[in-house]
Amino acid sequence: MGLERSLIKALHSGKVELGANRATRALEEGRAKLLIYSKDYTKPMLSGDEECKLYHLDLTSKELGRLCKKPFTVSALAIIDEGDSDIMNLVKGG
């Protein structure tokens, strides 16, 4: 299963926070397992305590929004629960 299909499956069956503010908050609160961010988003600074993987997509926020099947831009998203997807196995981090 490719990243796009896994992301769509996570959006439908899991818990995902869309948007830079919500994704960053989930990261800071320790709820995020994976933070996916576009090339428009500045890589977040981590304190080292986080148990979160970071994954940079070479897409604009407009393209990431389209990938998520949303009619708006998405510069970052946080996977809280991957649901039935295998997205955590597809990404190796940063």
PDB file of N, CA and C in Angstrom:
ATOM      1  N   MET A   1       0.855  -1.177   0.000  1.00  0.00           N
ATOM      2  CA  MET A   1       0.000   0.000   0.000  1.00  0.00           C
ATOM      3  C   MET A   1       0.901   1.240   0.000  1.00  0.00           C
ATOM      4  N   GLY A   2       0.641   2.190  -0.889  1.00  0.00           N
ATOM      5  CA  GLY A   2       1.450   3.392  -0.986  1.00  0.00           C
ATOM      6  C   GLY A   2       1.101   4.407   0.094  1.00  0.00           C
ATOM      7  N   LEU A   3       1.927   5.424   0.189  1.00  0.00           N
ATOM      8  CA  LEU A   3       1.727   6.447   1.210  1.00  0.00           C
ATOM      9  C   LEU A   3       0.370   7.123   1.069  1.00  0.00           C
ATOM     10  N   GLU A   4      -0.029   7.448  -0.157  1.00  0.00           N
ATOM     11  CA  GLU A   4      -1.311   8.120  -0.360  1.00  0.00           C
ATOM     12  C   GLU A   4      -2.465   7.259   0.145  1.00  0.00           C
ATOM     13  N   ARG A   5      -2.479   6.002  -0.232  1.00  0.00           N
ATOM     14  CA  ARG A   5      -3.557   5.099   0.207  1.00  0.00           C
ATOM     15  C   ARG A   5      -3.533   4.907   1.718  1.00  0.00           C
ATOM     16  N   SER A   6      -2.331   4.803   2.283  1.00  0.00           N
ATOM     17  CA  SER A   6      -2.207   4.630   3.732  1.00  0.00           C
ATOM     18  C   SER A   6      -2.688   5.871   4.479  1.00  0.00           C
ATOM     19  N   LEU A   7      -2.368   7.040   3.938  1.00  0.00           N
ATOM     20  CA  LEU A   7      -2.803   8.282   4.562  1.00  0.00           C
ATOM     21  C   LEU A   7      -4.318   8.408   4.516  1.00  0.00           C
ATOM     22  N   ILE A   8      -4.913   8.100   3.378  1.00  0.00           N
ATOM     23  CA  ILE A   8      -6.377   8.147   3.249  1.00  0.00           C
ATOM     24  C   ILE A   8      -7.018   7.162   4.216  1.00  0.00           C
ATOM     25  N   LYS A   9      -6.441   5.976   4.339  1.00  0.00           N
ATOM     26  CA  LYS A   9      -6.976   4.972   5.258  1.00  0.00           C
ATOM     27  C   LYS A   9      -6.863   5.449   6.709  1.00  0.00           C
ATOM     28  N   ALA A  10      -5.751   6.088   7.051  1.00  0.00           N
ATOM     29  CA  ALA A  10      -5.579   6.635   8.403  1.00  0.00           C
ATOM     30  C   ALA A  10      -6.590   7.748   8.672  1.00  0.00           C
ATOM     31  N   LEU A  11      -6.851   8.581   7.669  1.00  0.00           N
ATOM     32  CA  LEU A  11      -7.838   9.654   7.823  1.00  0.00           C
ATOM     33  C   LEU A  11      -9.232   9.102   8.071  1.00  0.00           C
ATOM     34  N   HIS A  12      -9.544   7.968   7.435  1.00  0.00           N
ATOM     35  CA  HIS A  12     -10.879   7.387   7.573  1.00  0.00           C
ATOM     36  C   HIS A  12     -11.038   6.484   8.789  1.00  0.00           C
ATOM     37  N   SER A  13      -9.998   5.769   9.152  1.00  0.00           N
ATOM     38  CA  SER A  13     -10.156   4.768  10.214  1.00  0.00           C
ATOM     39  C   SER A  13      -9.424   5.109  11.507  1.00  0.00           C
ATOM     40  N   GLY A  14      -8.567   6.114  11.466  1.00  0.00           N
ATOM     41  CA  GLY A  14      -7.776   6.453  12.653  1.00  0.00           C
ATOM     42  C   GLY A  14      -8.091   7.836  13.163  1.00  0.00           C
ATOM     43  N   LYS A  15      -7.145   8.432  13.847  1.00  0.00           N
ATOM     44  CA  LYS A  15      -7.283   9.787  14.395  1.00  0.00           C
ATOM     45  C   LYS A  15      -6.123  10.608  13.851  1.00  0.00           C
ATOM     46  N   VAL A  16      -6.459  11.665  13.112  1.00  0.00           N
ATOM     47  CA  VAL A  16      -5.467  12.519  12.473  1.00  0.00           C
ATOM     48  C   VAL A  16      -5.831  13.974  12.759  1.00  0.00           C
ATOM     49  N   GLU A  17      -4.844  14.758  13.167  1.00  0.00           N
ATOM     50  CA  GLU A  17      -5.026  16.195  13.373  1.00  0.00           C
ATOM     51  C   GLU A  17      -4.465  16.906  12.152  1.00  0.00           C
ATOM     52  N   LEU A  18      -5.309  17.654  11.434  1.00  0.00           N
ATOM     53  CA  LEU A  18      -4.900  18.378  10.239  1.00  0.00           C
ATOM     54  C   LEU A  18      -4.591  19.830  10.566  1.00  0.00           C
ATOM     55  N   GLY A  19      -3.575  20.362   9.928  1.00  0.00           N
ATOM     56  CA  GLY A  19      -3.208  21.754  10.093  1.00  0.00           C
ATOM     57  C   GLY A  19      -2.010  21.919  11.008  1.00  0.00           C
ATOM     58  N   ALA A  20      -1.228  22.960  10.734  1.00  0.00           N
ATOM     59  CA  ALA A  20       0.012  23.187  11.473  1.00  0.00           C
ATOM     60  C   ALA A  20      -0.231  23.378  12.963  1.00  0.00           C
ATOM     61  N   ASN A  21      -1.213  24.199  13.331  1.00  0.00           N
ATOM     62  CA  ASN A  21      -1.452  24.462  14.753  1.00  0.00           C
ATOM     63  C   ASN A  21      -1.887  23.210  15.497  1.00  0.00           C
ATOM     64  N   ARG A  22      -2.833  22.487  14.940  1.00  0.00           N
ATOM     65  CA  ARG A  22      -3.338  21.278  15.610  1.00  0.00           C
ATOM     66  C   ARG A  22      -2.277  20.183  15.650  1.00  0.00           C
ATOM     67  N   ALA A  23      -1.520  20.040  14.558  1.00  0.00           N
ATOM     68  CA  ALA A  23      -0.469  19.017  14.513  1.00  0.00           C
ATOM     69  C   ALA A  23       0.647  19.339  15.505  1.00  0.00           C
ATOM     70  N   THR A  24       1.039  20.614  15.560  1.00  0.00           N
ATOM     71  CA  THR A  24       2.086  21.018  16.504  1.00  0.00           C
ATOM     72  C   THR A  24       1.629  20.826  17.946  1.00  0.00           C
ATOM     73  N   ARG A  25       0.382  21.163  18.228  1.00  0.00           N
ATOM     74  CA  ARG A  25      -0.165  20.974  19.580  1.00  0.00           C
ATOM     75  C   ARG A  25      -0.154  19.485  19.952  1.00  0.00           C
ATOM     76  N   ALA A  26      -0.554  18.625  19.025  1.00  0.00           N
ATOM     77  CA  ALA A  26      -0.543  17.179  19.288  1.00  0.00           C
ATOM     78  C   ALA A  26       0.870  16.694  19.549  1.00  0.00           C
ATOM     79  N   LEU A  27       1.835  17.235  18.829  1.00  0.00           N
ATOM     80  CA  LEU A  27       3.242  16.893  19.030  1.00  0.00           C
ATOM     81  C   LEU A  27       3.704  17.329  20.414  1.00  0.00           C
ATOM     82  N   GLU A  28       3.406  18.575  20.784  1.00  0.00           N
ATOM     83  CA  GLU A  28       3.815  19.103  22.085  1.00  0.00           C
ATOM     84  C   GLU A  28       3.161  18.361  23.246  1.00  0.00           C
ATOM     85  N   GLU A  29       1.934  17.900  23.042  1.00  0.00           N
ATOM     86  CA  GLU A  29       1.211  17.186  24.091  1.00  0.00           C
ATOM     87  C   GLU A  29       1.583  15.706  24.154  1.00  0.00           C
ATOM     88  N   GLY A  30       2.423  15.262  23.233  1.00  0.00           N
ATOM     89  CA  GLY A  30       2.859  13.872  23.234  1.00  0.00           C
ATOM     90  C   GLY A  30       1.841  12.898  22.677  1.00  0.00           C
ATOM     91  N   ARG A  31       0.841  13.398  21.955  1.00  0.00           N
ATOM     92  CA  ARG A  31      -0.194  12.525  21.391  1.00  0.00           C
ATOM     93  C   ARG A  31       0.167  12.031  19.998  1.00  0.00           C
ATOM     94  N   ALA A  32       1.047  12.726  19.296  1.00  0.00           N
ATOM     95  CA  ALA A  32       1.370  12.399  17.904  1.00  0.00           C
ATOM     96  C   ALA A  32       2.375  11.257  17.826  1.00  0.00           C
ATOM     97  N   LYS A  33       2.073  10.284  16.981  1.00  0.00           N
ATOM     98  CA  LYS A  33       3.019   9.207  16.681  1.00  0.00           C
ATOM     99  C   LYS A  33       3.868   9.565  15.470  1.00  0.00           C
ATOM    100  N   LEU A  34       3.283  10.373  14.576  1.00  0.00           N
ATOM    101  CA  LEU A  34       3.933  10.734  13.331  1.00  0.00           C
ATOM    102  C   LEU A  34       3.480  12.134  12.939  1.00  0.00           C
ATOM    103  N   LEU A  35       4.430  12.973  12.567  1.00  0.00           N
ATOM    104  CA  LEU A  35       4.114  14.299  12.042  1.00  0.00           C
ATOM    105  C   LEU A  35       4.583  14.338  10.606  1.00  0.00           C
ATOM    106  N   ILE A  36       3.650  14.557   9.691  1.00  0.00           N
ATOM    107  CA  ILE A  36       3.947  14.679   8.274  1.00  0.00           C
ATOM    108  C   ILE A  36       3.814  16.152   7.929  1.00  0.00           C
ATOM    109  N   TYR A  37       4.835  16.711   7.260  1.00  0.00           N
ATOM    110  CA  TYR A  37       4.779  18.130   6.950  1.00  0.00           C
ATOM    111  C   TYR A  37       5.229  18.409   5.520  1.00  0.00           C
ATOM    112  N   SER A  38       4.674  19.476   4.962  1.00  0.00           N
ATOM    113  CA  SER A  38       4.964  19.873   3.585  1.00  0.00           C
ATOM    114  C   SER A  38       6.215  20.729   3.527  1.00  0.00           C
ATOM    115  N   LYS A  39       6.629  21.053   2.308  1.00  0.00           N
ATOM    116  CA  LYS A  39       7.823  21.884   2.172  1.00  0.00           C
ATOM    117  C   LYS A  39       7.562  23.339   2.527  1.00  0.00           C
ATOM    118  N   ASP A  40       6.290  23.727   2.719  1.00  0.00           N
ATOM    119  CA  ASP A  40       5.950  25.082   3.168  1.00  0.00           C
ATOM    120  C   ASP A  40       6.061  25.225   4.685  1.00  0.00           C
ATOM    121  N   TYR A  41       6.178  24.131   5.390  1.00  0.00           N
ATOM    122  CA  TYR A  41       6.147  24.127   6.850  1.00  0.00           C
ATOM    123  C   TYR A  41       7.574  24.021   7.373  1.00  0.00           C
ATOM    124  N   THR A  42       7.909  24.861   8.323  1.00  0.00           N
ATOM    125  CA  THR A  42       9.225  24.810   8.929  1.00  0.00           C
ATOM    126  C   THR A  42       9.307  23.585   9.830  1.00  0.00           C
ATOM    127  N   LYS A  43      10.355  22.810   9.681  1.00  0.00           N
ATOM    128  CA  LYS A  43      10.513  21.597  10.495  1.00  0.00           C
ATOM    129  C   LYS A  43      10.464  21.972  11.974  1.00  0.00           C
ATOM    130  N   PRO A  44       9.603  21.295  12.735  1.00  0.00           N
ATOM    131  CA  PRO A  44       9.468  21.644  14.147  1.00  0.00           C
ATOM    132  C   PRO A  44      10.716  21.286  14.952  1.00  0.00           C
ATOM    133  N   MET A  45      10.972  22.072  15.957  1.00  0.00           N
ATOM    134  CA  MET A  45      12.080  21.793  16.875  1.00  0.00           C
ATOM    135  C   MET A  45      11.595  20.787  17.907  1.00  0.00           C
ATOM    136  N   LEU A  46      12.354  19.750  18.115  1.00  0.00           N
ATOM    137  CA  LEU A  46      11.982  18.727  19.083  1.00  0.00           C
ATOM    138  C   LEU A  46      12.889  18.818  20.298  1.00  0.00           C
ATOM    139  N   SER A  47      12.314  18.518  21.451  1.00  0.00           N
ATOM    140  CA  SER A  47      13.104  18.588  22.678  1.00  0.00           C
ATOM    141  C   SER A  47      13.889  17.309  22.913  1.00  0.00           C
ATOM    142  N   GLY A  48      13.541  16.248  22.200  1.00  0.00           N
ATOM    143  CA  GLY A  48      14.212  14.967  22.398  1.00  0.00           C
ATOM    144  C   GLY A  48      13.387  14.015  23.242  1.00  0.00           C
ATOM    145  N   ASP A  49      12.343  14.529  23.873  1.00  0.00           N
ATOM    146  CA  ASP A  49      11.478  13.696  24.699  1.00  0.00           C
ATOM    147  C   ASP A  49      10.358  13.045  23.896  1.00  0.00           C
ATOM    148  N   GLU A  50      10.111  13.547  22.694  1.00  0.00           N
ATOM    149  CA  GLU A  50       8.995  13.085  21.896  1.00  0.00           C
ATOM    150  C   GLU A  50       9.224  11.659  21.382  1.00  0.00           C
ATOM    151  N   GLU A  51       8.154  10.917  21.331  1.00  0.00           N
ATOM    152  CA  GLU A  51       8.176   9.564  20.768  1.00  0.00           C
ATOM    153  C   GLU A  51       7.565   9.610  19.370  1.00  0.00           C
ATOM    154  N   CYS A  52       7.816  10.680  18.654  1.00  0.00           N
ATOM    155  CA  CYS A  52       7.162  10.936  17.381  1.00  0.00           C
ATOM    156  C   CYS A  52       8.167  10.902  16.239  1.00  0.00           C
ATOM    157  N   LYS A  53       7.756  10.279  15.131  1.00  0.00           N
ATOM    158  CA  LYS A  53       8.546  10.316  13.910  1.00  0.00           C
ATOM    159  C   LYS A  53       8.171  11.571  13.140  1.00  0.00           C
ATOM    160  N   LEU A  54       9.119  12.126  12.418  1.00  0.00           N
ATOM    161  CA  LEU A  54       8.864  13.252  11.524  1.00  0.00           C
ATOM    162  C   LEU A  54       9.059  12.772  10.096  1.00  0.00           C
ATOM    163  N   TYR A  55       8.184  13.225   9.201  1.00  0.00           N
ATOM    164  CA  TYR A  55       8.303  12.834   7.808  1.00  0.00           C
ATOM    165  C   TYR A  55       8.044  14.050   6.927  1.00  0.00           C
ATOM    166  N   HIS A  56       9.053  14.422   6.153  1.00  0.00           N
ATOM    167  CA  HIS A  56       8.936  15.559   5.251  1.00  0.00           C
ATOM    168  C   HIS A  56       8.506  15.080   3.878  1.00  0.00           C
ATOM    169  N   LEU A  57       7.410  15.649   3.391  1.00  0.00           N
ATOM    170  CA  LEU A  57       6.969  15.373   2.022  1.00  0.00           C
ATOM    171  C   LEU A  57       7.420  16.511   1.129  1.00  0.00           C
ATOM    172  N   ASP A  58       7.925  16.201  -0.017  1.00  0.00           N
ATOM    173  CA  ASP A  58       8.351  17.230  -0.957  1.00  0.00           C
ATOM    174  C   ASP A  58       7.147  17.692  -1.773  1.00  0.00           C
ATOM    175  N   LEU A  59       6.117  18.141  -1.052  1.00  0.00           N
ATOM    176  CA  LEU A  59       4.888  18.654  -1.648  1.00  0.00           C
ATOM    177  C   LEU A  59       4.591  20.007  -1.020  1.00  0.00           C
ATOM    178  N   THR A  60       3.869  20.851  -1.735  1.00  0.00           N
ATOM    179  CA  THR A  60       3.405  22.095  -1.145  1.00  0.00           C
ATOM    180  C   THR A  60       2.209  21.785  -0.243  1.00  0.00           C
ATOM    181  N   SER A  61       1.820  22.756   0.559  1.00  0.00           N
ATOM    182  CA  SER A  61       0.657  22.559   1.427  1.00  0.00           C
ATOM    183  C   SER A  61      -0.614  22.379   0.594  1.00  0.00           C
ATOM    184  N   LYS A  62      -0.671  23.005  -0.558  1.00  0.00           N
ATOM    185  CA  LYS A  62      -1.818  22.821  -1.451  1.00  0.00           C
ATOM    186  C   LYS A  62      -1.873  21.371  -1.944  1.00  0.00           C
ATOM    187  N   GLU A  63      -0.718  20.843  -2.341  1.00  0.00           N
ATOM    188  CA  GLU A  63      -0.655  19.461  -2.819  1.00  0.00           C
ATOM    189  C   GLU A  63      -0.962  18.464  -1.701  1.00  0.00           C
ATOM    190  N   LEU A  64      -0.484  18.752  -0.480  1.00  0.00           N
ATOM    191  CA  LEU A  64      -0.775  17.863   0.649  1.00  0.00           C
ATOM    192  C   LEU A  64      -2.266  17.888   0.977  1.00  0.00           C
ATOM    193  N   GLY A  65      -2.891  19.061   0.895  1.00  0.00           N
ATOM    194  CA  GLY A  65      -4.342  19.142   1.087  1.00  0.00           C
ATOM    195  C   GLY A  65      -5.081  18.301   0.068  1.00  0.00           C
ATOM    196  N   ARG A  66      -4.630  18.379  -1.175  1.00  0.00           N
ATOM    197  CA  ARG A  66      -5.236  17.579  -2.240  1.00  0.00           C
ATOM    198  C   ARG A  66      -5.028  16.087  -1.978  1.00  0.00           C
ATOM    199  N   LEU A  67      -3.833  15.717  -1.517  1.00  0.00           N
ATOM    200  CA  LEU A  67      -3.535  14.320  -1.196  1.00  0.00           C
ATOM    201  C   LEU A  67      -4.467  13.802  -0.098  1.00  0.00           C
ATOM    202  N   CYS A  68      -4.797  14.678   0.851  1.00  0.00           N
ATOM    203  CA  CYS A  68      -5.700  14.316   1.954  1.00  0.00           C
ATOM    204  C   CYS A  68      -7.169  14.398   1.554  1.00  0.00           C
ATOM    205  N   LYS A  69      -7.404  14.731   0.268  1.00  0.00           N
ATOM    206  CA  LYS A  69      -8.772  14.863  -0.258  1.00  0.00           C
ATOM    207  C   LYS A  69      -9.529  15.975   0.454  1.00  0.00           C
ATOM    208  N   LYS A  70      -8.823  17.083   0.765  1.00  0.00           N
ATOM    209  CA  LYS A  70      -9.421  18.234   1.441  1.00  0.00           C
ATOM    210  C   LYS A  70      -9.428  19.422   0.482  1.00  0.00           C
ATOM    211  N   PRO A  71     -10.463  20.281   0.569  1.00  0.00           N
ATOM    212  CA  PRO A  71     -10.529  21.451  -0.305  1.00  0.00           C
ATOM    213  C   PRO A  71      -9.777  22.660   0.248  1.00  0.00           C
ATOM    214  N   PHE A  72      -8.760  22.412   1.056  1.00  0.00           N
ATOM    215  CA  PHE A  72      -7.967  23.483   1.644  1.00  0.00           C
ATOM    216  C   PHE A  72      -6.526  23.013   1.780  1.00  0.00           C
ATOM    217  N   THR A  73      -5.631  23.959   2.046  1.00  0.00           N
ATOM    218  CA  THR A  73      -4.219  23.605   2.193  1.00  0.00           C
ATOM    219  C   THR A  73      -3.984  22.928   3.535  1.00  0.00           C
ATOM    220  N   VAL A  74      -3.023  22.029   3.555  1.00  0.00           N
ATOM    221  CA  VAL A  74      -2.614  21.325   4.776  1.00  0.00           C
ATOM    222  C   VAL A  74      -1.090  21.359   4.803  1.00  0.00           C
ATOM    223  N   SER A  75      -0.521  22.150   5.707  1.00  0.00           N
ATOM    224  CA  SER A  75       0.937  22.232   5.754  1.00  0.00           C
ATOM    225  C   SER A  75       1.543  21.161   6.649  1.00  0.00           C
ATOM    226  N   ALA A  76       0.752  20.655   7.591  1.00  0.00           N
ATOM    227  CA  ALA A  76       1.230  19.585   8.470  1.00  0.00           C
ATOM    228  C   ALA A  76       0.037  18.799   8.982  1.00  0.00           C
ATOM    229  N   LEU A  77       0.294  17.558   9.344  1.00  0.00           N
ATOM    230  CA  LEU A  77      -0.729  16.733   9.969  1.00  0.00           C
ATOM    231  C   LEU A  77      -0.055  15.789  10.946  1.00  0.00           C
ATOM    232  N   ALA A  78      -0.789  15.442  11.974  1.00  0.00           N
ATOM    233  CA  ALA A  78      -0.269  14.529  12.997  1.00  0.00           C
ATOM    234  C   ALA A  78      -1.110  13.270  13.016  1.00  0.00           C
ATOM    235  N   ILE A  79      -0.452  12.143  12.944  1.00  0.00           N
ATOM    236  CA  ILE A  79      -1.128  10.854  13.091  1.00  0.00           C
ATOM    237  C   ILE A  79      -1.146  10.544  14.585  1.00  0.00           C
ATOM    238  N   ILE A  80      -2.332  10.502  15.157  1.00  0.00           N
ATOM    239  CA  ILE A  80      -2.512  10.160  16.562  1.00  0.00           C
ATOM    240  C   ILE A  80      -2.713   8.648  16.683  1.00  0.00           C
ATOM    241  N   ASP A  81      -3.574   8.127  15.817  1.00  0.00           N
ATOM    242  CA  ASP A  81      -3.859   6.689  15.756  1.00  0.00           C
ATOM    243  C   ASP A  81      -3.952   6.333  14.280  1.00  0.00           C
ATOM    244  N   GLU A  82      -3.142   5.405  13.843  1.00  0.00           N
ATOM    245  CA  GLU A  82      -3.102   5.064  12.417  1.00  0.00           C
ATOM    246  C   GLU A  82      -4.289   4.247  11.944  1.00  0.00           C
ATOM    247  N   GLY A  83      -5.135   3.779  12.840  1.00  0.00           N
ATOM    248  CA  GLY A  83      -6.307   3.000  12.448  1.00  0.00           C
ATOM    249  C   GLY A  83      -5.908   1.730  11.728  1.00  0.00           C
ATOM    250  N   ASP A  84      -6.569   1.458  10.609  1.00  0.00           N
ATOM    251  CA  ASP A  84      -6.309   0.243   9.827  1.00  0.00           C
ATOM    252  C   ASP A  84      -5.189   0.420   8.811  1.00  0.00           C
ATOM    253  N   SER A  85      -4.532   1.571   8.798  1.00  0.00           N
ATOM    254  CA  SER A  85      -3.488   1.815   7.804  1.00  0.00           C
ATOM    255  C   SER A  85      -2.147   1.252   8.269  1.00  0.00           C
ATOM    256  N   ASP A  86      -1.228   1.188   7.315  1.00  0.00           N
ATOM    257  CA  ASP A  86       0.130   0.739   7.616  1.00  0.00           C
ATOM    258  C   ASP A  86       1.114   1.900   7.496  1.00  0.00           C
ATOM    259  N   ILE A  87       0.636   3.101   7.704  1.00  0.00           N
ATOM    260  CA  ILE A  87       1.445   4.298   7.483  1.00  0.00           C
ATOM    261  C   ILE A  87       2.685   4.352   8.372  1.00  0.00           C
ATOM    262  N   MET A  88       2.604   3.830   9.561  1.00  0.00           N
ATOM    263  CA  MET A  88       3.764   3.865  10.468  1.00  0.00           C
ATOM    264  C   MET A  88       4.893   2.974   9.947  1.00  0.00           C
ATOM    265  N   ASN A  89       4.572   1.946   9.187  1.00  0.00           N
ATOM    266  CA  ASN A  89       5.579   1.067   8.612  1.00  0.00           C
ATOM    267  C   ASN A  89       6.196   1.635   7.343  1.00  0.00           C
ATOM    268  N   LEU A  90       5.495   2.569   6.700  1.00  0.00           N
ATOM    269  CA  LEU A  90       5.976   3.134   5.437  1.00  0.00           C
ATOM    270  C   LEU A  90       6.990   4.243   5.630  1.00  0.00           C
ATOM    271  N   VAL A  91       6.887   4.964   6.726  1.00  0.00           N
ATOM    272  CA  VAL A  91       7.774   6.108   6.933  1.00  0.00           C
ATOM    273  C   VAL A  91       8.898   5.725   7.889  1.00  0.00           C
ATOM    274  N   LYS A  92      10.067   6.182   7.572  1.00  0.00           N
ATOM    275  CA  LYS A  92      11.239   5.887   8.393  1.00  0.00           C
ATOM    276  C   LYS A  92      11.606   7.059   9.286  1.00  0.00           C
ATOM    277  N   GLY A  93      10.984   8.211   9.018  1.00  0.00           N
ATOM    278  CA  GLY A  93      11.310   9.431   9.771  1.00  0.00           C
ATOM    279  C   GLY A  93      12.085  10.389   8.910  1.00  0.00           C
ATOM    280  N   GLY A  94      12.050  11.685   9.368  1.00  0.00           N
ATOM    281  CA  GLY A  94      12.650  12.852   8.822  1.00  0.00           C
ATOM    282  C   GLY A  94      13.315  12.818   7.526  1.00  0.00           C
TER     283      GLY A  94
END
